[in-house]
């Protein structure tokens, strides 16, 4: 349970930082990495026998990776625009 709580809090915190500073490109990369960690957590942390927790990790992990990947082009554009003076 604590694995999911900690990873969920880190994902939420990274999302808030990305909203506050949209020009930071690495925020989406962190989001993708955290999504991958959440996806593999049931196997690494050994809670695959708990179906509800495992499926929650897998679905939330995939959705986090998709959201991070979808936001990457927008963050790149904002970063390029912010860099121009």
Protein backbone atom coordinates (compact mmCIF):
# COMPACT_ATOMS: atom_id res chain seq x y z
CA UNK A 1 0.00 0.00 0.00
CA UNK A 2 2.77 2.47 0.87
CA UNK A 3 4.34 1.97 -2.52
CA UNK A 4 1.16 3.15 -4.20
CA UNK A 5 0.73 6.04 -1.77
CA UNK A 6 4.29 7.31 -2.21
CA UNK A 7 4.29 6.94 -6.00
CA UNK A 8 0.85 8.55 -6.22
CA UNK A 9 2.00 11.50 -4.11
CA UNK A 10 5.12 11.92 -6.26
CA UNK A 11 3.03 11.81 -9.44
CA UNK A 12 0.64 14.41 -8.05
CA UNK A 13 3.50 16.63 -6.88
CA UNK A 14 5.21 16.41 -10.28
CA UNK A 15 1.91 17.25 -11.97
CA UNK A 16 1.49 20.34 -9.82
CA UNK A 17 5.06 21.46 -10.54
CA UNK A 18 4.45 20.93 -14.26
CA UNK A 19 1.32 23.06 -14.08
CA UNK A 20 3.14 25.81 -12.21
CA UNK A 21 6.12 25.81 -14.60
CA UNK A 22 4.94 24.61 -18.03
CA UNK A 23 8.28 25.31 -19.71
CA UNK A 24 10.11 22.61 -17.75
CA UNK A 25 10.54 19.75 -20.18
CA UNK A 26 11.95 17.26 -17.70
CA UNK A 27 8.72 17.26 -15.65
CA UNK A 28 6.99 15.14 -18.27
CA UNK A 29 9.96 12.76 -18.34
CA UNK A 30 9.69 12.37 -14.58
CA UNK A 31 5.96 11.72 -14.98
CA UNK A 32 6.67 8.95 -17.51
CA UNK A 33 9.33 7.39 -15.27
CA UNK A 34 6.98 7.43 -12.26
CA UNK A 35 4.25 5.84 -14.38
CA UNK A 36 6.62 3.04 -15.37
CA UNK A 37 7.60 2.54 -11.73
CA UNK A 38 3.94 2.38 -10.73
CA UNK A 39 3.28 -0.18 -13.49
CA UNK A 40 6.11 -2.52 -12.45
CA UNK A 41 5.55 -2.04 -8.70
CA UNK A 42 3.28 -5.11 -8.23
CA UNK A 43 6.04 -7.41 -9.47
CA UNK A 44 8.95 -5.61 -7.80
CA UNK A 45 7.23 -5.11 -4.45
CA UNK A 46 5.50 -8.51 -4.54
CA UNK A 47 1.83 -7.66 -4.30
CA UNK A 48 0.60 -9.30 -7.51
CA UNK A 49 -1.60 -11.66 -5.47
CA UNK A 50 -3.73 -8.66 -4.44
CA UNK A 51 -5.76 -8.22 -7.62
CA UNK A 52 -7.31 -4.87 -6.75
CA UNK A 53 -4.03 -3.22 -5.83
CA UNK A 54 -2.22 -4.75 -8.81
CA UNK A 55 -4.81 -3.63 -11.34
CA UNK A 56 -4.89 -0.17 -9.80
CA UNK A 57 -1.12 0.10 -10.20
CA UNK A 58 -1.17 -1.19 -13.76
CA UNK A 59 -4.00 1.06 -14.94
CA UNK A 60 -2.74 4.16 -13.13
CA UNK A 61 0.78 3.50 -14.40
CA UNK A 62 -0.35 3.24 -18.01
CA UNK A 63 -2.51 6.36 -17.73
CA UNK A 64 0.38 8.28 -16.17
CA UNK A 65 2.74 7.28 -18.98
CA UNK A 66 0.13 8.24 -21.59
CA UNK A 67 -0.48 11.62 -19.92
CA UNK A 68 3.23 12.35 -19.68
CA UNK A 69 3.85 11.37 -23.29
CA UNK A 70 0.89 13.44 -24.49
CA UNK A 71 2.15 16.50 -22.59
CA UNK A 72 5.70 16.22 -23.93
CA UNK A 73 5.09 18.11 -27.23
CA UNK A 74 3.25 20.91 -25.42
CA UNK A 75 6.07 21.26 -22.88
CA UNK A 76 8.67 21.29 -25.65
CA UNK A 77 6.77 24.06 -27.47
CA UNK A 78 6.42 26.08 -24.25
CA UNK A 79 10.12 25.60 -23.55
CA UNK A 80 11.09 26.81 -27.02
CA UNK A 81 8.77 29.81 -26.76
CA UNK A 82 10.06 30.73 -23.30
CA UNK A 83 13.66 30.56 -24.53
CA UNK A 84 13.09 33.13 -27.29
CA UNK A 85 13.57 36.79 -26.39
